[in-house]
Amino acid sequence: MKECHIIYSTATVPVNPDGEILLTRAQAWAGLELKARDARLFLPPGLCTRCDVTEESATHFVREATIAGADLREIITLEPERKVTFFQATGPREGAIVNELFEDAAGALQLRFYCYLGLRDKPPGGPEEQAEQAQFDSGQGYRAALLSTLKRTRELVAEGRL
């Protein structure tokens, strides 16, 4: 049996930190859903060169994208105003990435990212996987992506596009 090593990472940020224009849960959700359908609107220019929804059903849709030069297909499930899950069907990674909206104990809206991933065709615990884990856990990893998603959502709301 092939040994498996899982990259696990998580980050949580407040949806409405002090000094920011308030986003409702519905607005934050609209931003997450739009990002799932077209990442190009949310990622740095040139990072995502293709993002097409190729299939849609009542329970999920399929997105084919090219991000950072890698072609991938993701099966995306939506739990409205709660959770978006990206299952890695093809591409360099296998596993799932989740974006979740929830209220903390004080009732403040939070956005949490977590993932369980492996790298296809790479040795478990090898240098590629270690580099990937370090990237996920770094300040430039998914915490930064959550903050930029919320920033972009605020801009789209201000422009009347969400």
N, C-alpha and C. Protein backbone atom coordinates (compact mmCIF):
# COMPACT_ATOMS: atom_id res chain seq x y z
N MET A 1 0.84 -1.18 0.00
CA MET A 1 0.00 0.00 0.00
C MET A 1 0.89 1.24 0.00
N LYS A 2 0.51 2.22 -0.81
CA LYS A 2 1.29 3.45 -0.92
C LYS A 2 1.15 4.28 0.36
N GLU A 3 2.27 4.72 0.88
CA GLU A 3 2.24 5.57 2.07
C GLU A 3 1.62 6.91 1.69
N CYS A 4 0.84 7.43 2.59
CA CYS A 4 0.17 8.70 2.31
C CYS A 4 0.54 9.71 3.38
N HIS A 5 0.84 10.91 2.97
CA HIS A 5 1.10 12.00 3.91
C HIS A 5 0.15 13.13 3.55
N ILE A 6 -0.50 13.68 4.52
CA ILE A 6 -1.49 14.72 4.26
C ILE A 6 -0.94 16.09 4.68
N ILE A 7 -1.09 17.04 3.77
CA ILE A 7 -0.82 18.43 4.11
C ILE A 7 -2.10 18.97 4.73
N TYR A 8 -1.99 19.42 5.97
CA TYR A 8 -3.16 20.02 6.62
C TYR A 8 -2.80 21.45 6.97
N SER A 9 -3.70 22.36 6.65
CA SER A 9 -3.45 23.75 7.00
C SER A 9 -4.78 24.41 7.30
N THR A 10 -4.77 25.38 8.18
CA THR A 10 -5.99 26.11 8.47
C THR A 10 -5.64 27.56 8.82
N ALA A 11 -6.57 28.45 8.53
CA ALA A 11 -6.41 29.86 8.88
C ALA A 11 -7.81 30.44 9.05
N THR A 12 -7.97 31.36 9.99
CA THR A 12 -9.26 32.01 10.23
C THR A 12 -9.03 33.51 10.35
N VAL A 13 -9.89 34.28 9.69
CA VAL A 13 -9.81 35.74 9.80
C VAL A 13 -11.21 36.29 10.07
N PRO A 14 -11.30 37.42 10.80
CA PRO A 14 -12.61 38.04 10.99
C PRO A 14 -13.11 38.63 9.67
N VAL A 15 -14.39 38.47 9.39
CA VAL A 15 -14.96 39.05 8.17
C VAL A 15 -15.01 40.57 8.29
N ASN A 16 -15.28 41.05 9.50
CA ASN A 16 -15.45 42.50 9.71
C ASN A 16 -14.51 43.04 10.79
N PRO A 17 -13.21 43.15 10.47
CA PRO A 17 -12.29 43.73 11.45
C PRO A 17 -12.60 45.21 11.66
N ASP A 18 -12.14 45.75 12.77
CA ASP A 18 -12.36 47.17 13.07
C ASP A 18 -11.91 48.05 11.91
N GLY A 19 -12.72 49.04 11.59
CA GLY A 19 -12.33 50.01 10.58
C GLY A 19 -12.74 49.64 9.17
N GLU A 20 -13.26 48.42 8.97
CA GLU A 20 -13.68 48.00 7.63
C GLU A 20 -15.18 48.19 7.46
N ILE A 21 -15.60 48.41 6.22
CA ILE A 21 -17.03 48.47 5.91
C ILE A 21 -17.63 47.10 6.22
N LEU A 22 -18.75 47.10 6.95
CA LEU A 22 -19.38 45.84 7.36
C LEU A 22 -19.87 45.05 6.15
N LEU A 23 -19.55 43.76 6.15
CA LEU A 23 -20.14 42.83 5.18
C LEU A 23 -21.15 41.96 5.91
N THR A 24 -22.31 41.77 5.32
CA THR A 24 -23.27 40.83 5.88
C THR A 24 -22.82 39.42 5.52
N ARG A 25 -23.40 38.43 6.17
CA ARG A 25 -23.11 37.03 5.83
C ARG A 25 -23.46 36.79 4.36
N ALA A 26 -24.60 37.35 3.91
CA ALA A 26 -25.04 37.15 2.52
C ALA A 26 -24.02 37.75 1.54
N GLN A 27 -23.48 38.92 1.86
CA GLN A 27 -22.48 39.55 0.98
C GLN A 27 -21.17 38.76 0.97
N ALA A 28 -20.73 38.33 2.17
CA ALA A 28 -19.50 37.53 2.25
C ALA A 28 -19.69 36.23 1.46
N TRP A 29 -20.88 35.63 1.59
CA TRP A 29 -21.17 34.40 0.86
C TRP A 29 -21.16 34.64 -0.65
N ALA A 30 -21.77 35.74 -1.08
CA ALA A 30 -21.81 36.05 -2.52
C ALA A 30 -20.39 36.16 -3.07
N GLY A 31 -19.48 36.75 -2.29
CA GLY A 31 -18.08 36.84 -2.71
C GLY A 31 -17.43 35.47 -2.83
N LEU A 32 -17.68 34.59 -1.85
CA LEU A 32 -17.10 33.24 -1.89
C LEU A 32 -17.63 32.46 -3.09
N GLU A 33 -18.92 32.58 -3.35
CA GLU A 33 -19.51 31.84 -4.48
C GLU A 33 -18.96 32.36 -5.81
N LEU A 34 -18.86 33.69 -5.92
CA LEU A 34 -18.33 34.27 -7.15
C LEU A 34 -16.87 33.84 -7.37
N LYS A 35 -16.09 33.82 -6.30
CA LYS A 35 -14.70 33.39 -6.40
C LYS A 35 -14.61 31.94 -6.87
N ALA A 36 -15.53 31.10 -6.39
CA ALA A 36 -15.55 29.69 -6.80
C ALA A 36 -15.87 29.57 -8.30
N ARG A 37 -16.74 30.47 -8.78
CA ARG A 37 -17.15 30.41 -10.19
C ARG A 37 -16.13 31.06 -11.11
N ASP A 38 -15.48 32.13 -10.65
CA ASP A 38 -14.46 32.78 -11.48
C ASP A 38 -13.35 33.36 -10.62
N ALA A 39 -12.32 32.57 -10.41
CA ALA A 39 -11.20 32.98 -9.56
C ALA A 39 -10.45 34.17 -10.11
N ARG A 40 -10.58 34.40 -11.44
CA ARG A 40 -9.81 35.49 -12.06
C ARG A 40 -10.14 36.84 -11.42
N LEU A 41 -11.37 37.01 -10.95
CA LEU A 41 -11.79 38.28 -10.34
C LEU A 41 -11.10 38.52 -8.99
N PHE A 42 -10.56 37.45 -8.40
CA PHE A 42 -10.06 37.55 -7.02
C PHE A 42 -8.56 37.35 -6.88
N LEU A 43 -7.95 36.68 -7.85
CA LEU A 43 -6.52 36.38 -7.75
C LEU A 43 -5.70 37.50 -8.37
N PRO A 44 -4.42 37.60 -8.00
CA PRO A 44 -3.58 38.64 -8.61
C PRO A 44 -3.57 38.50 -10.14
N PRO A 45 -3.51 39.62 -10.86
CA PRO A 45 -3.58 39.59 -12.33
C PRO A 45 -2.57 38.60 -12.91
N GLY A 46 -3.04 37.78 -13.84
CA GLY A 46 -2.16 36.84 -14.53
C GLY A 46 -1.97 35.50 -13.85
N LEU A 47 -2.37 35.40 -12.57
CA LEU A 47 -2.16 34.13 -11.85
C LEU A 47 -3.12 33.05 -12.35
N CYS A 48 -4.37 33.45 -12.57
CA CYS A 48 -5.38 32.53 -13.10
C CYS A 48 -5.70 32.97 -14.52
N THR A 49 -5.34 32.12 -15.49
CA THR A 49 -5.50 32.51 -16.88
C THR A 49 -6.76 31.91 -17.52
N ARG A 50 -7.38 30.94 -16.83
CA ARG A 50 -8.60 30.33 -17.35
C ARG A 50 -9.40 29.84 -16.16
N CYS A 51 -10.71 30.06 -16.19
CA CYS A 51 -11.57 29.58 -15.11
C CYS A 51 -12.98 29.45 -15.67
N ASP A 52 -13.36 28.22 -16.01
CA ASP A 52 -14.66 27.97 -16.65
C ASP A 52 -15.45 26.93 -15.88
N VAL A 53 -16.73 27.24 -15.64
CA VAL A 53 -17.65 26.25 -15.10
C VAL A 53 -18.11 25.40 -16.28
N THR A 54 -17.81 24.10 -16.24
CA THR A 54 -18.08 23.23 -17.39
C THR A 54 -19.28 22.32 -17.17
N GLU A 55 -19.75 22.25 -15.93
CA GLU A 55 -20.85 21.34 -15.60
C GLU A 55 -21.53 21.91 -14.37
N GLU A 56 -22.85 21.75 -14.30
CA GLU A 56 -23.55 22.28 -13.12
C GLU A 56 -24.72 21.38 -12.80
N SER A 57 -24.91 21.08 -11.52
CA SER A 57 -26.06 20.29 -11.07
C SER A 57 -26.62 20.93 -9.82
N ALA A 58 -27.64 20.34 -9.25
CA ALA A 58 -28.26 20.89 -8.04
C ALA A 58 -27.30 20.83 -6.85
N THR A 59 -26.36 19.88 -6.87
CA THR A 59 -25.49 19.68 -5.70
C THR A 59 -24.08 20.20 -5.86
N HIS A 60 -23.62 20.41 -7.11
CA HIS A 60 -22.22 20.80 -7.30
C HIS A 60 -22.03 21.38 -8.70
N PHE A 61 -20.86 21.97 -8.91
CA PHE A 61 -20.47 22.32 -10.27
C PHE A 61 -19.01 21.95 -10.46
N VAL A 62 -18.60 21.87 -11.72
CA VAL A 62 -17.22 21.50 -12.05
C VAL A 62 -16.56 22.74 -12.66
N ARG A 63 -15.36 23.03 -12.16
CA ARG A 63 -14.60 24.19 -12.63
C ARG A 63 -13.29 23.68 -13.21
N GLU A 64 -12.98 24.15 -14.42
CA GLU A 64 -11.68 23.86 -15.02
C GLU A 64 -10.92 25.18 -15.08
N ALA A 65 -9.71 25.15 -14.55
CA ALA A 65 -8.95 26.39 -14.43
C ALA A 65 -7.47 26.14 -14.69
N THR A 66 -6.78 27.22 -15.02
CA THR A 66 -5.33 27.21 -15.07
C THR A 66 -4.86 28.27 -14.07
N ILE A 67 -4.23 27.81 -13.01
CA ILE A 67 -3.79 28.70 -11.94
C ILE A 67 -2.29 28.47 -11.73
N ALA A 68 -1.52 29.54 -11.81
CA ALA A 68 -0.06 29.48 -11.68
C ALA A 68 0.51 28.44 -12.65
N GLY A 69 -0.05 28.39 -13.85
CA GLY A 69 0.45 27.51 -14.90
C GLY A 69 -0.01 26.06 -14.80
N ALA A 70 -0.73 25.70 -13.74
CA ALA A 70 -1.19 24.31 -13.57
C ALA A 70 -2.65 24.19 -13.99
N ASP A 71 -2.94 23.21 -14.85
CA ASP A 71 -4.33 22.93 -15.23
C ASP A 71 -4.96 22.08 -14.15
N LEU A 72 -6.16 22.45 -13.74
CA LEU A 72 -6.84 21.64 -12.74
C LEU A 72 -8.34 21.60 -12.98
N ARG A 73 -8.92 20.54 -12.50
CA ARG A 73 -10.38 20.40 -12.51
C ARG A 73 -10.80 20.19 -11.07
N GLU A 74 -11.79 20.99 -10.64
CA GLU A 74 -12.28 20.89 -9.28
C GLU A 74 -13.78 20.67 -9.30
N ILE A 75 -14.23 19.78 -8.42
CA ILE A 75 -15.66 19.60 -8.19
C ILE A 75 -15.97 20.44 -6.96
N ILE A 76 -16.88 21.39 -7.12
CA ILE A 76 -17.13 22.38 -6.07
C ILE A 76 -18.55 22.22 -5.53
N THR A 77 -18.67 22.05 -4.22
CA THR A 77 -19.98 21.97 -3.59
C THR A 77 -20.22 23.23 -2.78
N LEU A 78 -21.47 23.68 -2.78
CA LEU A 78 -21.86 24.88 -2.06
C LEU A 78 -22.87 24.52 -0.98
N GLU A 79 -22.62 24.93 0.24
CA GLU A 79 -23.62 24.86 1.31
C GLU A 79 -23.96 26.32 1.59
N PRO A 80 -25.07 26.80 1.00
CA PRO A 80 -25.34 28.24 0.95
C PRO A 80 -25.14 28.98 2.28
N GLU A 81 -24.42 30.10 2.15
CA GLU A 81 -24.08 31.01 3.25
C GLU A 81 -23.28 30.33 4.35
N ARG A 82 -22.70 29.13 4.05
CA ARG A 82 -21.92 28.41 5.05
C ARG A 82 -20.57 27.95 4.56
N LYS A 83 -20.56 27.19 3.46
CA LYS A 83 -19.33 26.48 3.14
C LYS A 83 -19.19 26.22 1.64
N VAL A 84 -17.98 26.46 1.12
CA VAL A 84 -17.61 26.08 -0.24
C VAL A 84 -16.49 25.06 -0.12
N THR A 85 -16.66 23.90 -0.78
CA THR A 85 -15.62 22.87 -0.76
C THR A 85 -15.14 22.60 -2.17
N PHE A 86 -13.82 22.65 -2.35
CA PHE A 86 -13.18 22.41 -3.65
C PHE A 86 -12.50 21.04 -3.59
N PHE A 87 -13.06 20.06 -4.30
CA PHE A 87 -12.44 18.74 -4.38
C PHE A 87 -11.53 18.72 -5.60
N GLN A 88 -10.27 18.34 -5.41
CA GLN A 88 -9.27 18.38 -6.48
C GLN A 88 -9.40 17.13 -7.35
N ALA A 89 -10.10 17.22 -8.48
CA ALA A 89 -10.31 16.06 -9.34
C ALA A 89 -9.08 15.76 -10.18
N THR A 90 -8.46 16.81 -10.75
CA THR A 90 -7.19 16.64 -11.47
C THR A 90 -6.31 17.84 -11.14
N GLY A 91 -5.04 17.70 -11.41
CA GLY A 91 -4.10 18.78 -11.12
C GLY A 91 -3.00 18.30 -10.20
N PRO A 92 -2.14 19.22 -9.75
CA PRO A 92 -0.98 18.81 -8.95
C PRO A 92 -1.35 18.29 -7.56
N ARG A 93 -2.53 18.69 -7.06
CA ARG A 93 -2.92 18.30 -5.70
C ARG A 93 -4.11 17.35 -5.73
N GLU A 94 -4.22 16.54 -4.66
CA GLU A 94 -5.43 15.74 -4.46
C GLU A 94 -5.93 16.03 -3.06
N GLY A 95 -7.25 15.97 -2.90
CA GLY A 95 -7.83 16.26 -1.60
C GLY A 95 -8.86 17.35 -1.69
N ALA A 96 -9.07 18.05 -0.58
CA ALA A 96 -10.13 19.05 -0.52
C ALA A 96 -9.65 20.33 0.15
N ILE A 97 -10.21 21.45 -0.33
CA ILE A 97 -9.97 22.77 0.24
C ILE A 97 -11.35 23.33 0.61
N VAL A 98 -11.47 23.87 1.81
CA VAL A 98 -12.77 24.36 2.30
C VAL A 98 -12.67 25.82 2.72
N ASN A 99 -13.66 26.63 2.34
CA ASN A 99 -13.85 27.99 2.85
C ASN A 99 -15.16 27.98 3.60
N GLU A 100 -15.14 28.40 4.87
CA GLU A 100 -16.34 28.29 5.70
C GLU A 100 -16.61 29.60 6.44
N LEU A 101 -17.86 30.02 6.42
CA LEU A 101 -18.31 31.18 7.20
C LEU A 101 -18.97 30.67 8.48
N PHE A 102 -18.61 31.27 9.61
CA PHE A 102 -19.23 30.86 10.87
C PHE A 102 -19.15 32.01 11.86
N GLU A 103 -19.99 31.95 12.89
CA GLU A 103 -19.93 32.95 13.96
C GLU A 103 -19.12 32.39 15.12
N ASP A 104 -18.23 33.23 15.66
CA ASP A 104 -17.48 32.80 16.84
C ASP A 104 -18.36 32.93 18.08
N ALA A 105 -17.79 32.61 19.24
CA ALA A 105 -18.56 32.61 20.50
C ALA A 105 -19.18 33.97 20.79
N ALA A 106 -18.53 35.04 20.30
CA ALA A 106 -19.04 36.40 20.55
C ALA A 106 -20.05 36.82 19.47
N GLY A 107 -20.32 35.94 18.51
CA GLY A 107 -21.28 36.26 17.46
C GLY A 107 -20.69 37.00 16.28
N ALA A 108 -19.34 37.12 16.24
CA ALA A 108 -18.68 37.82 15.14
C ALA A 108 -18.46 36.85 13.97
N LEU A 109 -18.75 37.32 12.77
CA LEU A 109 -18.61 36.49 11.57
C LEU A 109 -17.13 36.27 11.25
N GLN A 110 -16.78 35.01 11.02
CA GLN A 110 -15.39 34.61 10.72
C GLN A 110 -15.36 33.86 9.39
N LEU A 111 -14.23 33.93 8.71
CA LEU A 111 -14.01 33.15 7.50
C LEU A 111 -12.82 32.23 7.77
N ARG A 112 -13.09 30.92 7.65
CA ARG A 112 -12.04 29.92 7.92
C ARG A 112 -11.72 29.17 6.64
N PHE A 113 -10.44 28.95 6.44
CA PHE A 113 -9.94 28.10 5.36
C PHE A 113 -9.35 26.87 6.02
N TYR A 114 -9.59 25.70 5.46
CA TYR A 114 -8.80 24.53 5.84
C TYR A 114 -8.69 23.59 4.66
N CYS A 115 -7.64 22.78 4.68
CA CYS A 115 -7.44 21.84 3.58
C CYS A 115 -6.81 20.56 4.08
N TYR A 116 -7.12 19.51 3.37
CA TYR A 116 -6.46 18.21 3.52
C TYR A 116 -6.00 17.86 2.12
N LEU A 117 -4.71 17.91 1.88
CA LEU A 117 -4.21 17.72 0.52
C LEU A 117 -2.99 16.80 0.49
N GLY A 118 -2.82 16.17 -0.67
CA GLY A 118 -1.58 15.48 -0.97
C GLY A 118 -1.13 15.97 -2.33
N LEU A 119 0.11 15.67 -2.69
CA LEU A 119 0.60 16.02 -4.02
C LEU A 119 0.61 14.75 -4.87
N ARG A 120 -0.03 14.83 -6.04
CA ARG A 120 -0.06 13.67 -6.94
C ARG A 120 1.35 13.35 -7.45
N ASP A 121 1.67 12.07 -7.45
CA ASP A 121 2.92 11.58 -8.06
C ASP A 121 4.19 12.18 -7.44
N LYS A 122 4.10 12.57 -6.18
CA LYS A 122 5.30 13.05 -5.47
C LYS A 122 5.48 12.18 -4.22
N PRO A 123 6.72 11.97 -3.79
CA PRO A 123 6.92 11.13 -2.60
C PRO A 123 6.34 11.78 -1.35
N PRO A 124 5.61 10.99 -0.51
CA PRO A 124 5.08 11.54 0.74
C PRO A 124 6.21 12.07 1.61
N GLY A 125 6.03 13.27 2.11
CA GLY A 125 7.05 13.87 2.99
C GLY A 125 8.29 14.34 2.24
N GLY A 126 8.23 14.30 0.89
CA GLY A 126 9.38 14.70 0.09
C GLY A 126 9.52 16.21 0.03
N PRO A 127 10.55 16.69 -0.67
CA PRO A 127 10.83 18.13 -0.69
C PRO A 127 9.68 18.96 -1.26
N GLU A 128 8.97 18.44 -2.28
CA GLU A 128 7.86 19.20 -2.87
C GLU A 128 6.74 19.39 -1.84
N GLU A 129 6.47 18.29 -1.12
CA GLU A 129 5.40 18.34 -0.12
C GLU A 129 5.77 19.27 1.04
N GLN A 130 7.03 19.20 1.46
CA GLN A 130 7.47 20.07 2.56
C GLN A 130 7.37 21.55 2.15
N ALA A 131 7.74 21.83 0.90
CA ALA A 131 7.65 23.21 0.40
C ALA A 131 6.19 23.66 0.35
N GLU A 132 5.31 22.77 -0.07
CA GLU A 132 3.88 23.07 -0.15
C GLU A 132 3.32 23.37 1.25
N GLN A 133 3.68 22.53 2.22
CA GLN A 133 3.22 22.72 3.60
C GLN A 133 3.70 24.08 4.12
N ALA A 134 4.95 24.41 3.86
CA ALA A 134 5.51 25.68 4.32
C ALA A 134 4.77 26.85 3.69
N GLN A 135 4.44 26.72 2.40
CA GLN A 135 3.71 27.78 1.70
C GLN A 135 2.32 27.97 2.32
N PHE A 136 1.62 26.86 2.57
CA PHE A 136 0.28 26.94 3.16
C PHE A 136 0.32 27.63 4.51
N ASP A 137 1.37 27.35 5.28
CA ASP A 137 1.44 27.85 6.65
C ASP A 137 2.07 29.23 6.77
N SER A 138 2.61 29.75 5.67
CA SER A 138 3.31 31.04 5.73
C SER A 138 2.31 32.20 5.72
N GLY A 139 2.82 33.37 6.03
CA GLY A 139 2.00 34.58 5.99
C GLY A 139 1.47 34.87 4.59
N GLN A 140 2.16 34.36 3.57
CA GLN A 140 1.71 34.56 2.19
C GLN A 140 0.78 33.45 1.73
N GLY A 141 0.46 32.53 2.64
CA GLY A 141 -0.39 31.40 2.26
C GLY A 141 -1.86 31.77 2.25
N TYR A 142 -2.66 30.88 2.80
CA TYR A 142 -4.10 31.06 2.66
C TYR A 142 -4.66 32.15 3.55
N ARG A 143 -3.97 32.50 4.62
CA ARG A 143 -4.44 33.63 5.43
C ARG A 143 -4.47 34.90 4.57
N ALA A 144 -3.39 35.11 3.80
CA ALA A 144 -3.33 36.26 2.90
C ALA A 144 -4.44 36.17 1.84
N ALA A 145 -4.71 34.95 1.36
CA ALA A 145 -5.76 34.76 0.35
C ALA A 145 -7.14 35.09 0.93
N LEU A 146 -7.38 34.73 2.19
CA LEU A 146 -8.66 35.05 2.83
C LEU A 146 -8.83 36.56 2.92
N LEU A 147 -7.77 37.25 3.35
CA LEU A 147 -7.85 38.71 3.50
C LEU A 147 -8.09 39.38 2.14
N SER A 148 -7.42 38.89 1.10
CA SER A 148 -7.60 39.51 -0.22
C SER A 148 -8.99 39.20 -0.78
N THR A 149 -9.54 38.01 -0.46
CA THR A 149 -10.90 37.67 -0.89
C THR A 149 -11.90 38.64 -0.27
N LEU A 150 -11.75 38.92 1.02
CA LEU A 150 -12.67 39.84 1.70
C LEU A 150 -12.50 41.26 1.17
N LYS A 151 -11.27 41.66 0.90
CA LYS A 151 -11.01 43.00 0.35
C LYS A 151 -11.70 43.15 -1.01
N ARG A 152 -11.53 42.14 -1.86
CA ARG A 152 -12.15 42.17 -3.19
C ARG A 152 -13.67 42.13 -3.09
N THR A 153 -14.20 41.36 -2.16
CA THR A 153 -15.65 41.31 -1.95
C THR A 153 -16.18 42.70 -1.58
N ARG A 154 -15.46 43.40 -0.69
CA ARG A 154 -15.86 44.77 -0.32
C ARG A 154 -15.86 45.69 -1.54
N GLU A 155 -14.83 45.56 -2.40
CA GLU A 155 -14.77 46.40 -3.61
C GLU A 155 -15.95 46.11 -4.53
N LEU A 156 -16.29 44.83 -4.71
CA LEU A 156 -17.40 44.45 -5.59
C LEU A 156 -18.73 44.92 -5.03
N VAL A 157 -18.88 44.88 -3.70
CA VAL A 157 -20.10 45.39 -3.06
C VAL A 157 -20.19 46.91 -3.29
N ALA A 158 -19.06 47.62 -3.09
CA ALA A 158 -19.03 49.08 -3.28
C ALA A 158 -19.36 49.46 -4.73
N GLU A 159 -18.93 48.61 -5.68
CA GLU A 159 -19.19 48.87 -7.11
C GLU A 159 -20.61 48.46 -7.51
N GLY A 160 -21.34 47.85 -6.55
CA GLY A 160 -22.70 47.40 -6.86
C GLY A 160 -22.74 46.12 -7.69
N ARG A 161 -21.61 45.37 -7.71
CA ARG A 161 -21.55 44.12 -8.49
C ARG A 161 -21.90 42.90 -7.67
N LEU A 162 -22.03 43.06 -6.34
CA LEU A 162 -22.43 41.95 -5.47
C LEU A 162 -23.61 42.37 -4.62
